[in-house]
């Protein structure tokens, strides 16, 4: 976003840079009001904001889409089990479109600034009540528990990821795919530095850079016989296990994709992942796939490797 609205948003984002998912769920006070500095900026830019938004409904729609996308990305970074589908994205856009319309209505009212500022704070608090309710609903739809939000496994060091998976960089062969590479693509960069080429990363938060695909693992095309090795450190299989324990319908989607991943391996290629998935590994035809399992330390975590025979 640019213009007066973009400047105001940038200031707001800087002020909220340390916000976490728990702040939204807990209705944290700092989300429900404006800082004195931001309120001063809104007062100074009041005319410019109205000129951008009041006379151009398309600009309001653009603002709503921008904020909905930013909120979606924030929520999915904060909670790795949270999946926001097209319906959820539409609900976020509608929520922000309503808020944008309310802000325009307040700013366009004549009169002194103090009552306008008070009305803005009231609309912001109401908006966050609606946002909190929607986030709770989005979590419930996919069986994600608020307390299960935590560290993003893809952001662990590449050395730790490889150690958990039980592989050494020098023993891998390209083409390589990191399934769930995270926002930094750290393991992809590490493997490239070790001389492997090509190495690709796939993640809904993947970097916007060559060799990365920004998509969910259900959306991305996986051509058959494409990979010598697919790695998934506490990403795909962790989500598969989560779905298996909570929803037969969602687990079935993962099972279909799991087989598509195996079909994307070259003969002799392997899919290496943690945690292991004994409930589906036991059903793999031994004539087509060889499964090996290893414990990871004393934690009870297992890592699995499935080799495609032919």
Protein backbone atom coordinates (compact mmCIF):
# COMPACT_ATOMS: atom_id res chain seq x y z
CA UNK A 1 0.00 0.00 0.00
CA UNK A 2 1.14 3.56 -0.71
CA UNK A 3 -0.21 7.07 -0.18
CA UNK A 4 -1.48 8.43 3.12
CA UNK A 5 -3.19 5.14 3.96
CA UNK A 6 0.02 3.20 3.32
CA UNK A 7 2.03 5.54 5.54
CA UNK A 8 -0.47 5.13 8.36
CA UNK A 9 -0.45 1.34 8.00
CA UNK A 10 3.33 1.23 8.02
CA UNK A 11 3.36 3.19 11.27
CA UNK A 12 0.72 0.87 12.79
CA UNK A 13 2.64 -2.24 11.73
CA UNK A 14 5.84 -0.91 13.31
CA UNK A 15 4.02 -0.27 16.58
CA UNK A 16 2.53 -3.80 16.57
CA UNK A 17 5.67 -5.64 15.42
CA UNK A 18 5.88 -7.68 18.64
CA UNK A 19 2.23 -8.77 18.54
CA UNK A 20 1.54 -12.51 18.86
CA UNK A 21 -1.48 -14.69 18.27
CA UNK A 22 -2.18 -14.76 22.00
CA UNK A 23 -2.64 -10.98 21.94
CA UNK A 24 -5.50 -11.33 19.46
CA UNK A 25 -7.09 -14.21 21.35
CA UNK A 26 -6.66 -12.37 24.66
CA UNK A 27 -8.03 -9.05 23.37
CA UNK A 28 -4.80 -7.29 24.34
CA UNK A 29 -5.43 -3.58 25.11
CA UNK A 30 -2.71 -2.32 22.75
CA UNK A 31 -4.60 -3.79 19.77
CA UNK A 32 -7.85 -2.06 20.69
CA UNK A 33 -6.65 1.53 20.69
CA UNK A 34 -4.34 3.91 18.84
CA UNK A 35 -1.07 5.24 20.15
CA UNK A 36 -0.89 9.03 20.59
CA UNK A 37 1.59 9.18 17.70
CA UNK A 38 -0.71 7.23 15.37
CA UNK A 39 -3.72 9.30 16.38
CA UNK A 40 -1.76 12.46 15.62
CA UNK A 41 -0.80 11.08 12.20
CA UNK A 42 -4.46 10.23 11.48
CA UNK A 43 -5.53 13.74 12.40
CA UNK A 44 -2.85 15.31 10.20
CA UNK A 45 -3.68 13.04 7.25
CA UNK A 46 -7.44 13.06 7.68
CA UNK A 47 -8.12 14.88 4.42
CA UNK A 48 -5.68 12.78 2.39
CA UNK A 49 -7.10 9.52 3.78
CA UNK A 50 -10.62 10.55 2.87
CA UNK A 51 -9.51 11.60 -0.59
CA UNK A 52 -8.01 8.13 -1.12
CA UNK A 53 -10.84 6.07 0.32
CA UNK A 54 -14.11 7.97 0.25
CA UNK A 55 -14.06 8.86 -3.45
CA UNK A 56 -12.60 5.56 -4.60
CA UNK A 57 -14.48 2.43 -3.44
CA UNK A 58 -11.96 0.26 -5.29
CA UNK A 59 -9.27 1.65 -2.98
CA UNK A 60 -11.27 0.43 0.02
CA UNK A 61 -11.49 -3.04 -1.55
CA UNK A 62 -7.73 -2.96 -2.18
CA UNK A 63 -7.13 -2.00 1.45
CA UNK A 64 -9.38 -4.81 2.70
CA UNK A 65 -7.62 -7.38 0.49
CA UNK A 66 -4.19 -6.17 1.62
CA UNK A 67 -5.06 -6.34 5.32
CA UNK A 68 -6.78 -9.73 4.94
CA UNK A 69 -3.70 -11.19 3.22
CA UNK A 70 -1.37 -9.72 5.85
CA UNK A 71 -3.55 -11.12 8.65
CA UNK A 72 -3.74 -14.54 6.98
CA UNK A 73 0.06 -14.70 6.67
CA UNK A 74 0.52 -13.56 10.28
CA UNK A 75 -1.93 -16.12 11.65
CA UNK A 76 -0.40 -19.00 9.68
CA UNK A 77 3.11 -18.01 10.78
CA UNK A 78 1.94 -17.90 14.38
CA UNK A 79 0.10 -21.24 14.27
CA UNK A 80 1.51 -23.89 11.97
CA UNK A 81 -1.65 -26.04 12.12
CA UNK A 82 -3.95 -23.20 11.06
CA UNK A 83 -5.14 -23.55 7.47
CA UNK A 84 -7.14 -20.68 6.02
CA UNK A 85 -9.02 -21.69 2.87
CA UNK A 86 -10.77 -19.51 0.30
CA UNK A 87 -13.84 -19.22 2.52
CA UNK A 88 -11.74 -18.01 5.44
CA UNK A 89 -9.89 -15.52 3.25
CA UNK A 90 -13.23 -14.17 2.04
CA UNK A 91 -14.38 -13.74 5.63
CA UNK A 92 -11.21 -11.83 6.48
CA UNK A 93 -11.70 -9.55 3.47
CA UNK A 94 -15.32 -8.91 4.46
CA UNK A 95 -14.25 -8.11 8.01
CA UNK A 96 -11.67 -5.58 6.85
CA UNK A 97 -14.01 -4.12 4.21
CA UNK A 98 -16.53 -3.41 6.96
CA UNK A 99 -13.84 -1.83 9.12
CA UNK A 100 -12.56 0.35 6.26
CA UNK A 101 -16.10 1.56 5.60
CA UNK A 102 -16.58 2.39 9.27
CA UNK A 103 -13.33 4.35 9.39
CA UNK A 104 -14.31 6.37 6.32
CA UNK A 105 -17.69 7.11 7.88
CA UNK A 106 -16.10 8.38 11.10
CA UNK A 107 -13.45 10.49 9.38
CA UNK A 108 -15.98 12.09 7.06
CA UNK A 109 -18.07 13.38 9.95
CA UNK A 110 -17.78 17.12 10.54
CA UNK A 111 -16.90 18.60 13.88
CA UNK A 112 -13.90 18.83 16.21
CA UNK A 113 -11.29 16.09 16.37
CA UNK A 114 -11.74 14.72 19.94
CA UNK A 115 -15.17 13.14 19.26
CA UNK A 116 -13.85 11.76 15.95
CA UNK A 117 -10.85 10.20 17.74
CA UNK A 118 -13.15 8.67 20.36
CA UNK A 119 -15.35 7.17 17.62
CA UNK A 120 -12.27 5.78 15.85
CA UNK A 121 -11.15 4.04 19.03
CA UNK A 122 -14.62 2.57 19.50
CA UNK A 123 -14.70 1.23 15.93
CA UNK A 124 -11.21 -0.26 16.37
CA UNK A 125 -12.23 -2.07 19.57
CA UNK A 126 -15.35 -3.44 17.87
CA UNK A 127 -13.27 -4.55 14.89
CA UNK A 128 -10.91 -6.49 17.14
CA UNK A 129 -13.84 -8.16 18.88
CA UNK A 130 -14.97 -9.38 15.45
CA UNK A 131 -11.43 -10.37 14.46
CA UNK A 132 -10.95 -12.36 17.66
CA UNK A 133 -14.24 -14.22 17.11
CA UNK A 134 -13.27 -15.05 13.52
CA UNK A 135 -9.80 -16.29 14.52
CA UNK A 136 -11.35 -18.57 17.16
CA UNK A 137 -13.70 -19.92 14.48
CA UNK A 138 -10.87 -20.45 11.97
CA UNK A 139 -8.89 -22.39 14.57
CA UNK A 140 -11.90 -24.53 15.44
CA UNK A 141 -12.62 -25.41 11.80
CA UNK A 142 -9.29 -27.15 11.33
CA UNK A 143 -9.04 -28.62 14.81
CA UNK A 144 -6.15 -26.34 15.79
CA UNK A 145 -5.85 -25.62 19.49
CA UNK A 146 -4.69 -22.12 20.48
CA UNK A 147 -2.23 -23.55 22.99
CA UNK A 148 -0.49 -25.62 20.28
CA UNK A 149 1.00 -22.51 18.67
CA UNK A 150 4.75 -22.58 18.99
CA UNK A 151 8.12 -22.50 17.31
CA UNK A 152 8.18 -22.93 13.54
CA UNK A 153 10.12 -26.14 12.92
CA UNK A 154 11.38 -24.94 9.53
CA UNK A 155 13.30 -22.17 11.29
CA UNK A 156 15.48 -24.58 13.26
CA UNK A 157 19.08 -24.60 12.09
CA UNK A 158 19.75 -26.65 8.91
CA UNK A 159 22.23 -28.80 10.85
CA UNK A 160 19.58 -29.67 13.45
CA UNK A 161 16.98 -30.42 10.78
CA UNK A 162 19.34 -32.83 9.00
CA UNK A 163 20.34 -34.44 12.30
CA UNK A 164 16.67 -35.07 13.22
CA UNK A 165 16.03 -36.53 9.76
CA UNK A 166 19.12 -38.73 10.08
CA UNK A 167 20.81 -37.65 6.85
CA UNK A 168 24.08 -35.94 5.99
CA UNK A 169 24.25 -33.18 3.41
CA UNK A 170 27.16 -34.84 1.61
CA UNK A 171 25.18 -38.06 1.16
CA UNK A 172 22.21 -36.41 -0.55
CA UNK A 173 21.72 -36.26 -4.29
CA UNK A 174 19.85 -33.63 -6.31
CA UNK A 175 17.23 -32.83 -7.45
CA UNK A 176 16.19 -32.09 -3.87
CA UNK A 177 12.94 -30.70 -2.46
CA UNK A 178 12.46 -29.27 1.03
CA UNK A 179 8.75 -29.75 1.70
CA UNK A 180 7.81 -27.06 4.21
CA UNK A 181 10.93 -24.92 3.82
CA UNK A 182 9.61 -22.03 5.90
CA UNK A 183 9.87 -18.31 5.35
CA UNK A 184 13.66 -18.23 5.34
CA UNK A 185 14.33 -21.36 3.28
CA UNK A 186 17.32 -21.98 5.54
CA UNK A 187 17.77 -25.66 4.67
CA UNK A 188 17.48 -24.96 0.94
CA UNK A 189 20.20 -22.30 1.15
CA UNK A 190 22.37 -24.60 3.25
CA UNK A 191 22.13 -27.47 0.77
CA UNK A 192 22.94 -25.14 -2.12
CA UNK A 193 26.02 -23.95 -0.24
CA UNK A 194 27.05 -27.61 0.04
CA UNK A 195 27.10 -27.78 -3.76
CA UNK A 196 23.73 -29.41 -4.42
CA UNK A 197 21.83 -28.25 -7.51
CA UNK A 198 18.95 -28.01 -8.06
CA UNK A 199 17.43 -27.62 -4.60
CA UNK A 200 13.85 -26.36 -4.30
CA UNK A 201 11.77 -25.22 -1.37
CA UNK A 202 7.98 -25.41 -1.09
CA UNK A 203 5.97 -23.62 1.58
CA UNK A 204 2.98 -21.30 1.80
CA UNK A 205 5.43 -18.76 3.33
CA UNK A 206 8.40 -19.57 1.08
CA UNK A 207 10.74 -16.74 0.01
CA UNK A 208 9.80 -14.97 -3.20
CA UNK A 209 13.03 -16.00 -4.91
CA UNK A 210 14.21 -18.40 -7.63
CA UNK A 211 14.00 -22.03 -6.62
CA UNK A 212 11.12 -21.53 -4.19
CA UNK A 213 7.42 -22.24 -4.67
CA UNK A 214 5.03 -20.25 -2.47
CA UNK A 215 2.01 -22.53 -2.17
CA UNK A 216 0.50 -25.09 0.15
CA UNK A 217 1.54 -28.69 -0.33
CA UNK A 218 -1.95 -29.45 -1.63
CA UNK A 219 -1.76 -26.83 -4.39
CA UNK A 220 1.73 -27.27 -5.79
CA UNK A 221 2.20 -29.52 -8.80
CA UNK A 222 4.50 -32.50 -8.14
CA UNK A 223 5.51 -34.10 -11.43
CA UNK A 224 6.20 -37.83 -11.30
CA UNK A 225 9.78 -39.10 -11.27
CA UNK A 226 11.10 -35.62 -10.48
CA UNK A 227 13.02 -35.88 -7.20
CA UNK A 228 16.00 -37.81 -5.97
CA UNK A 229 15.13 -36.81 -2.41
CA UNK A 230 12.26 -35.02 -0.67
CA UNK A 231 12.92 -33.79 2.88
CA UNK A 232 10.22 -32.79 5.38
CA UNK A 233 11.47 -31.81 8.82
CA UNK A 234 8.43 -31.76 11.12
CA UNK A 235 6.29 -30.26 8.38
CA UNK A 236 4.15 -32.40 6.10
CA UNK A 237 4.15 -35.52 8.28
CA UNK A 238 3.55 -33.52 11.46
CA UNK A 239 0.47 -31.97 9.87
CA UNK A 240 -0.58 -35.38 8.52
CA UNK A 241 -0.35 -36.84 12.03
CA UNK A 242 -2.33 -33.90 13.42
CA UNK A 243 -5.07 -34.46 10.82
CA UNK A 244 -5.05 -38.24 11.42
CA UNK A 245 -5.78 -37.70 15.11
CA UNK A 246 -8.55 -35.14 14.56
CA UNK A 247 -10.34 -35.41 11.23
CA UNK A 248 -10.84 -38.37 8.91
CA UNK A 249 -11.70 -36.05 6.02
CA UNK A 250 -8.53 -33.97 6.38
CA UNK A 251 -6.43 -37.08 6.96
CA UNK A 252 -7.69 -38.50 3.66
CA UNK A 253 -6.43 -35.40 1.82
CA UNK A 254 -3.00 -35.90 3.37
CA UNK A 255 -2.99 -39.59 2.47
CA UNK A 256 -3.65 -38.78 -1.19
CA UNK A 257 -0.90 -36.16 -1.19
CA UNK A 258 1.48 -38.53 0.61
CA UNK A 259 1.15 -41.03 -2.22
CA UNK A 260 1.61 -38.25 -4.78
CA UNK A 261 4.87 -37.32 -3.07
CA UNK A 262 6.07 -40.91 -3.27
CA UNK A 263 5.11 -41.06 -6.96
CA UNK A 264 7.16 -37.90 -7.54
CA UNK A 265 10.36 -39.73 -6.55
CA UNK A 266 12.79 -41.14 -9.08
CA UNK A 267 13.38 -44.90 -8.83
CA UNK A 268 15.75 -45.20 -5.90
CA UNK A 269 14.69 -41.78 -4.62
CA UNK A 270 13.60 -41.33 -1.04
CA UNK A 271 11.16 -39.32 1.02
CA UNK A 272 12.73 -38.57 4.42
CA UNK A 273 10.53 -37.06 7.12
CA UNK A 274 9.91 -36.69 10.83
CA UNK A 275 7.77 -37.60 12.64
CA UNK A 276 7.18 -41.04 11.22
CA UNK A 277 3.74 -42.15 10.01
CA UNK A 278 3.38 -45.83 11.01
CA UNK A 279 -0.37 -45.89 10.29
CA UNK A 280 0.21 -45.36 6.55
CA UNK A 281 3.73 -46.78 6.21
CA UNK A 282 2.39 -50.21 7.17
CA UNK A 283 0.01 -50.09 4.21
CA UNK A 284 2.66 -49.34 1.56
CA UNK A 285 3.20 -52.20 -0.90
CA UNK A 286 6.62 -53.73 -0.20
CA UNK A 287 7.08 -54.43 -3.90
CA UNK A 288 7.11 -50.67 -4.59
CA UNK A 289 8.49 -49.05 -1.45
CA UNK A 290 11.03 -49.80 1.25
CA UNK A 291 10.47 -48.16 4.65
CA UNK A 292 13.14 -47.62 7.29
CA UNK A 293 12.58 -46.04 10.70
CA UNK A 294 14.99 -44.61 13.25
CA UNK A 295 14.45 -43.12 16.73
CA UNK A 296 15.48 -39.50 17.30
CA UNK A 297 17.27 -39.31 20.63
CA UNK A 298 15.25 -40.34 23.66
CA UNK A 299 12.25 -38.13 22.85
CA UNK A 300 10.11 -40.88 21.32
CA UNK A 301 10.16 -39.06 17.98
CA UNK A 302 10.76 -41.27 14.94
CA UNK A 303 12.12 -40.30 11.57
CA UNK A 304 11.20 -42.32 8.52
CA UNK A 305 12.68 -42.81 5.06
CA UNK A 306 10.64 -44.32 2.22
CA UNK A 307 12.60 -45.43 -0.86
CA UNK A 308 10.82 -45.91 -4.16
CA UNK A 309 11.97 -49.22 -5.62
CA UNK A 310 10.72 -48.65 -9.17
